Amino acid sequence: MLKLPLVIYVLVAPVLMGVFLTALLTMDLHRFDATTMITAVAAGALVAIPVAWIVSRKIEGLR
């Protein structure tokens, strides 16, 4: 079943992307170019894939 992981991904991905971007902006790096911000957002989107998969398996296990 692929529906549940996709729905959870749609909810988790923006949250993790926002967390990663906020963490980047709060660091004292003195260089906030577009490449660094896009990398942080892409990392959040990639991390959201296994998180969505794990959460969907836990939810399916509750049935």
PDB file of N, CA and C in Angstrom:
ATOM      1  N   MET A   1       0.843  -1.171   0.000  1.00  0.00           N
ATOM      2  CA  MET A   1       0.000   0.000   0.000  1.00  0.00           C
ATOM      3  C   MET A   1       0.895   1.244   0.000  1.00  0.00           C
ATOM      4  N   LEU A   2       0.751   2.033  -1.008  1.00  0.00           N
ATOM      5  CA  LEU A   2       1.609   3.197  -1.176  1.00  0.00           C
ATOM      6  C   LEU A   2       0.916   4.497  -0.784  1.00  0.00           C
ATOM      7  N   LYS A   3      -0.387   4.471  -0.581  1.00  0.00           N
ATOM      8  CA  LYS A   3      -1.114   5.696  -0.280  1.00  0.00           C
ATOM      9  C   LYS A   3      -0.714   6.301   1.060  1.00  0.00           C
ATOM     10  N   LEU A   4      -0.659   5.479   2.088  1.00  0.00           N
ATOM     11  CA  LEU A   4      -0.376   5.989   3.428  1.00  0.00           C
ATOM     12  C   LEU A   4       1.013   6.616   3.536  1.00  0.00           C
ATOM     13  N   PRO A   5       2.086   5.983   3.029  1.00  0.00           N
ATOM     14  CA  PRO A   5       3.389   6.655   3.100  1.00  0.00           C
ATOM     15  C   PRO A   5       3.430   7.981   2.335  1.00  0.00           C
ATOM     16  N   LEU A   6       2.709   8.064   1.220  1.00  0.00           N
ATOM     17  CA  LEU A   6       2.693   9.319   0.461  1.00  0.00           C
ATOM     18  C   LEU A   6       1.960  10.424   1.209  1.00  0.00           C
ATOM     19  N   VAL A   7       0.855  10.078   1.847  1.00  0.00           N
ATOM     20  CA  VAL A   7       0.116  11.077   2.618  1.00  0.00           C
ATOM     21  C   VAL A   7       0.961  11.558   3.793  1.00  0.00           C
ATOM     22  N   ILE A   8       1.627  10.636   4.457  1.00  0.00           N
ATOM     23  CA  ILE A   8       2.471  11.020   5.584  1.00  0.00           C
ATOM     24  C   ILE A   8       3.665  11.829   5.093  1.00  0.00           C
ATOM     25  N   TYR A   9       4.207  11.497   3.939  1.00  0.00           N
ATOM     26  CA  TYR A   9       5.319  12.268   3.383  1.00  0.00           C
ATOM     27  C   TYR A   9       4.908  13.710   3.115  1.00  0.00           C
ATOM     28  N   VAL A  10       3.689  13.891   2.600  1.00  0.00           N
ATOM     29  CA  VAL A  10       3.192  15.238   2.318  1.00  0.00           C
ATOM     30  C   VAL A  10       3.102  16.057   3.605  1.00  0.00           C
ATOM     31  N   LEU A  11       2.847  15.404   4.717  1.00  0.00           N
ATOM     32  CA  LEU A  11       2.767  16.107   5.993  1.00  0.00           C
ATOM     33  C   LEU A  11       4.135  16.292   6.642  1.00  0.00           C
ATOM     34  N   VAL A  12       5.008  15.311   6.516  1.00  0.00           N
ATOM     35  CA  VAL A  12       6.296  15.328   7.218  1.00  0.00           C
ATOM     36  C   VAL A  12       7.338  16.146   6.469  1.00  0.00           C
ATOM     37  N   ALA A  13       7.353  16.093   5.162  1.00  0.00           N
ATOM     38  CA  ALA A  13       8.394  16.761   4.377  1.00  0.00           C
ATOM     39  C   ALA A  13       8.455  18.272   4.613  1.00  0.00           C
ATOM     40  N   PRO A  14       7.343  18.990   4.547  1.00  0.00           N
ATOM     41  CA  PRO A  14       7.452  20.434   4.799  1.00  0.00           C
ATOM     42  C   PRO A  14       7.920  20.763   6.219  1.00  0.00           C
ATOM     43  N   VAL A  15       7.521  19.931   7.169  1.00  0.00           N
ATOM     44  CA  VAL A  15       7.950  20.167   8.551  1.00  0.00           C
ATOM     45  C   VAL A  15       9.462  20.005   8.666  1.00  0.00           C
ATOM     46  N   LEU A  16       9.989  18.912   8.133  1.00  0.00           N
ATOM     47  CA  LEU A  16      11.434  18.689   8.225  1.00  0.00           C
ATOM     48  C   LEU A  16      12.218  19.701   7.398  1.00  0.00           C
ATOM     49  N   MET A  17      11.689  20.090   6.252  1.00  0.00           N
ATOM     50  CA  MET A  17      12.373  21.109   5.460  1.00  0.00           C
ATOM     51  C   MET A  17      12.426  22.426   6.223  1.00  0.00           C
ATOM     52  N   GLY A  18      11.349  22.771   6.889  1.00  0.00           N
ATOM     53  CA  GLY A  18      11.328  23.988   7.688  1.00  0.00           C
ATOM     54  C   GLY A  18      12.260  23.910   8.882  1.00  0.00           C
ATOM     55  N   VAL A  19      12.332  22.747   9.504  1.00  0.00           N
ATOM     56  CA  VAL A  19      13.236  22.566  10.640  1.00  0.00           C
ATOM     57  C   VAL A  19      14.686  22.693  10.185  1.00  0.00           C
ATOM     58  N   PHE A  20      15.026  22.069   9.081  1.00  0.00           N
ATOM     59  CA  PHE A  20      16.399  22.142   8.584  1.00  0.00           C
ATOM     60  C   PHE A  20      16.769  23.566   8.186  1.00  0.00           C
ATOM     61  N   LEU A  21      15.842  24.264   7.526  1.00  0.00           N
ATOM     62  CA  LEU A  21      16.119  25.632   7.111  1.00  0.00           C
ATOM     63  C   LEU A  21      16.231  26.559   8.318  1.00  0.00           C
ATOM     64  N   THR A  22      15.366  26.369   9.302  1.00  0.00           N
ATOM     65  CA  THR A  22      15.447  27.171  10.521  1.00  0.00           C
ATOM     66  C   THR A  22      16.748  26.908  11.266  1.00  0.00           C
ATOM     67  N   ALA A  23      17.156  25.650  11.336  1.00  0.00           N
ATOM     68  CA  ALA A  23      18.429  25.328  11.983  1.00  0.00           C
ATOM     69  C   ALA A  23      19.590  25.978  11.247  1.00  0.00           C
ATOM     70  N   LEU A  24      19.536  25.990   9.934  1.00  0.00           N
ATOM     71  CA  LEU A  24      20.591  26.634   9.157  1.00  0.00           C
ATOM     72  C   LEU A  24      20.646  28.129   9.425  1.00  0.00           C
ATOM     73  N   LEU A  25      19.477  28.755   9.467  1.00  0.00           N
ATOM     74  CA  LEU A  25      19.435  30.203   9.652  1.00  0.00           C
ATOM     75  C   LEU A  25      19.830  30.626  11.066  1.00  0.00           C
ATOM     76  N   THR A  26      19.655  29.742  12.041  1.00  0.00           N
ATOM     77  CA  THR A  26      20.039  30.096  13.405  1.00  0.00           C
ATOM     78  C   THR A  26      21.511  29.842  13.678  1.00  0.00           C
ATOM     79  N   MET A  27      22.173  29.092  12.815  1.00  0.00           N
ATOM     80  CA  MET A  27      23.611  28.885  12.981  1.00  0.00           C
ATOM     81  C   MET A  27      24.359  30.158  12.605  1.00  0.00           C
ATOM     82  N   ASP A  28      25.488  30.350  13.198  1.00  0.00           N
ATOM     83  CA  ASP A  28      26.276  31.559  12.950  1.00  0.00           C
ATOM     84  C   ASP A  28      27.320  31.266  11.867  1.00  0.00           C
ATOM     85  N   LEU A  29      26.846  31.083  10.636  1.00  0.00           N
ATOM     86  CA  LEU A  29      27.744  30.715   9.547  1.00  0.00           C
ATOM     87  C   LEU A  29      28.211  31.915   8.724  1.00  0.00           C
ATOM     88  N   HIS A  30      27.495  33.013   8.776  1.00  0.00           N
ATOM     89  CA  HIS A  30      27.813  34.235   8.043  1.00  0.00           C
ATOM     90  C   HIS A  30      27.827  34.044   6.531  1.00  0.00           C
ATOM     91  N   ARG A  31      27.184  33.028   6.045  1.00  0.00           N
ATOM     92  CA  ARG A  31      27.027  32.878   4.599  1.00  0.00           C
ATOM     93  C   ARG A  31      25.727  32.131   4.327  1.00  0.00           C
ATOM     94  N   PHE A  32      24.740  32.859   3.936  1.00  0.00           N
ATOM     95  CA  PHE A  32      23.438  32.275   3.644  1.00  0.00           C
ATOM     96  C   PHE A  32      23.126  32.499   2.173  1.00  0.00           C
ATOM     97  N   ASP A  33      23.779  31.743   1.326  1.00  0.00           N
ATOM     98  CA  ASP A  33      23.491  31.859  -0.093  1.00  0.00           C
ATOM     99  C   ASP A  33      22.395  30.872  -0.463  1.00  0.00           C
ATOM    100  N   ALA A  34      21.897  30.998  -1.658  1.00  0.00           N
ATOM    101  CA  ALA A  34      20.776  30.174  -2.103  1.00  0.00           C
ATOM    102  C   ALA A  34      21.153  28.698  -2.159  1.00  0.00           C
ATOM    103  N   THR A  35      22.387  28.389  -2.509  1.00  0.00           N
ATOM    104  CA  THR A  35      22.810  26.997  -2.615  1.00  0.00           C
ATOM    105  C   THR A  35      22.750  26.299  -1.260  1.00  0.00           C
ATOM    106  N   THR A  36      23.188  26.985  -0.228  1.00  0.00           N
ATOM    107  CA  THR A  36      23.154  26.390   1.105  1.00  0.00           C
ATOM    108  C   THR A  36      21.722  26.173   1.579  1.00  0.00           C
ATOM    109  N   MET A  37      20.863  27.130   1.308  1.00  0.00           N
ATOM    110  CA  MET A  37      19.464  26.990   1.716  1.00  0.00           C
ATOM    111  C   MET A  37      18.762  25.877   0.938  1.00  0.00           C
ATOM    112  N   ILE A  38      19.021  25.791  -0.347  1.00  0.00           N
ATOM    113  CA  ILE A  38      18.421  24.728  -1.157  1.00  0.00           C
ATOM    114  C   ILE A  38      18.923  23.362  -0.704  1.00  0.00           C
ATOM    115  N   THR A  39      20.190  23.281  -0.331  1.00  0.00           N
ATOM    116  CA  THR A  39      20.743  22.028   0.170  1.00  0.00           C
ATOM    117  C   THR A  39      20.069  21.612   1.468  1.00  0.00           C
ATOM    118  N   ALA A  40      19.820  22.553   2.363  1.00  0.00           N
ATOM    119  CA  ALA A  40      19.142  22.247   3.617  1.00  0.00           C
ATOM    120  C   ALA A  40      17.716  21.766   3.368  1.00  0.00           C
ATOM    121  N   VAL A  41      17.029  22.419   2.442  1.00  0.00           N
ATOM    122  CA  VAL A  41      15.654  22.016   2.124  1.00  0.00           C
ATOM    123  C   VAL A  41      15.636  20.643   1.453  1.00  0.00           C
ATOM    124  N   ALA A  42      16.571  20.391   0.557  1.00  0.00           N
ATOM    125  CA  ALA A  42      16.643  19.079  -0.100  1.00  0.00           C
ATOM    126  C   ALA A  42      16.976  17.986   0.899  1.00  0.00           C
ATOM    127  N   ALA A  43      17.850  18.289   1.851  1.00  0.00           N
ATOM    128  CA  ALA A  43      18.170  17.304   2.887  1.00  0.00           C
ATOM    129  C   ALA A  43      16.934  16.981   3.727  1.00  0.00           C
ATOM    130  N   GLY A  44      16.142  17.987   4.030  1.00  0.00           N
ATOM    131  CA  GLY A  44      14.900  17.755   4.761  1.00  0.00           C
ATOM    132  C   GLY A  44      13.927  16.889   3.978  1.00  0.00           C
ATOM    133  N   ALA A  45      13.855  17.112   2.671  1.00  0.00           N
ATOM    134  CA  ALA A  45      12.969  16.303   1.828  1.00  0.00           C
ATOM    135  C   ALA A  45      13.454  14.856   1.757  1.00  0.00           C
ATOM    136  N   LEU A  46      14.760  14.660   1.709  1.00  0.00           N
ATOM    137  CA  LEU A  46      15.305  13.304   1.658  1.00  0.00           C
ATOM    138  C   LEU A  46      15.152  12.573   2.988  1.00  0.00           C
ATOM    139  N   VAL A  47      15.341  13.276   4.077  1.00  0.00           N
ATOM    140  CA  VAL A  47      15.182  12.648   5.394  1.00  0.00           C
ATOM    141  C   VAL A  47      13.723  12.287   5.647  1.00  0.00           C
ATOM    142  N   ALA A  48      12.812  13.020   5.039  1.00  0.00           N
ATOM    143  CA  ALA A  48      11.384  12.759   5.231  1.00  0.00           C
ATOM    144  C   ALA A  48      10.943  11.436   4.618  1.00  0.00           C
ATOM    145  N   ILE A  49      11.662  10.924   3.647  1.00  0.00           N
ATOM    146  CA  ILE A  49      11.267   9.661   2.999  1.00  0.00           C
ATOM    147  C   ILE A  49      11.304   8.492   3.985  1.00  0.00           C
ATOM    148  N   PRO A  50      12.448   8.224   4.650  1.00  0.00           N
ATOM    149  CA  PRO A  50      12.424   7.111   5.607  1.00  0.00           C
ATOM    150  C   PRO A  50      11.544   7.383   6.827  1.00  0.00           C
ATOM    151  N   VAL A  51      11.433   8.647   7.222  1.00  0.00           N
ATOM    152  CA  VAL A  51      10.563   8.966   8.361  1.00  0.00           C
ATOM    153  C   VAL A  51       9.116   8.632   8.016  1.00  0.00           C
ATOM    154  N   ALA A  52       8.666   9.004   6.834  1.00  0.00           N
ATOM    155  CA  ALA A  52       7.301   8.703   6.408  1.00  0.00           C
ATOM    156  C   ALA A  52       7.090   7.201   6.299  1.00  0.00           C
ATOM    157  N   TRP A  53       8.085   6.506   5.804  1.00  0.00           N
ATOM    158  CA  TRP A  53       7.973   5.051   5.674  1.00  0.00           C
ATOM    159  C   TRP A  53       7.839   4.390   7.050  1.00  0.00           C
ATOM    160  N   ILE A  54       8.673   4.804   7.998  1.00  0.00           N
ATOM    161  CA  ILE A  54       8.641   4.223   9.352  1.00  0.00           C
ATOM    162  C   ILE A  54       7.322   4.544  10.046  1.00  0.00           C
ATOM    163  N   VAL A  55       6.869   5.786   9.948  1.00  0.00           N
ATOM    164  CA  VAL A  55       5.617   6.171  10.599  1.00  0.00           C
ATOM    165  C   VAL A  55       4.444   5.420   9.980  1.00  0.00           C
ATOM    166  N   SER A  56       4.436   5.245   8.678  1.00  0.00           N
ATOM    167  CA  SER A  56       3.327   4.522   8.044  1.00  0.00           C
ATOM    168  C   SER A  56       3.320   3.055   8.452  1.00  0.00           C
ATOM    169  N   ARG A  57       4.485   2.460   8.601  1.00  0.00           N
ATOM    170  CA  ARG A  57       4.527   1.054   9.063  1.00  0.00           C
ATOM    171  C   ARG A  57       4.019   0.927  10.485  1.00  0.00           C
ATOM    172  N   LYS A  58       4.343   1.906  11.333  1.00  0.00           N
ATOM    173  CA  LYS A  58       3.843   1.878  12.721  1.00  0.00           C
ATOM    174  C   LYS A  58       2.331   2.044  12.750  1.00  0.00           C
ATOM    175  N   ILE A  59       1.808   2.924  11.900  1.00  0.00           N
ATOM    176  CA  ILE A  59       0.353   3.138  11.853  1.00  0.00           C
ATOM    177  C   ILE A  59      -0.329   1.876  11.317  1.00  0.00           C
ATOM    178  N   GLU A  60       0.229   1.260  10.292  1.00  0.00           N
ATOM    179  CA  GLU A  60      -0.367   0.038   9.753  1.00  0.00           C
ATOM    180  C   GLU A  60      -0.300  -1.098  10.766  1.00  0.00           C
ATOM    181  N   GLY A  61       0.672  -1.086  11.639  1.00  0.00           N
ATOM    182  CA  GLY A  61       0.780  -2.113  12.674  1.00  0.00           C
ATOM    183  C   GLY A  61      -0.264  -1.975  13.757  1.00  0.00           C
ATOM    184  N   LEU A  62      -0.885  -0.816  13.856  1.00  0.00           N
ATOM    185  CA  LEU A  62      -1.923  -0.591  14.869  1.00  0.00           C
ATOM    186  C   LEU A  62      -3.254  -1.215  14.485  1.00  0.00           C
ATOM    187  N   ARG A  63      -3.423  -1.535  13.224  1.00  0.00           N
ATOM    188  CA  ARG A  63      -4.708  -2.074  12.761  1.00  0.00           C
ATOM    189  C   ARG A  63      -4.971  -3.442  13.311  1.00  0.00           C
TER     190      ARG A  63
END
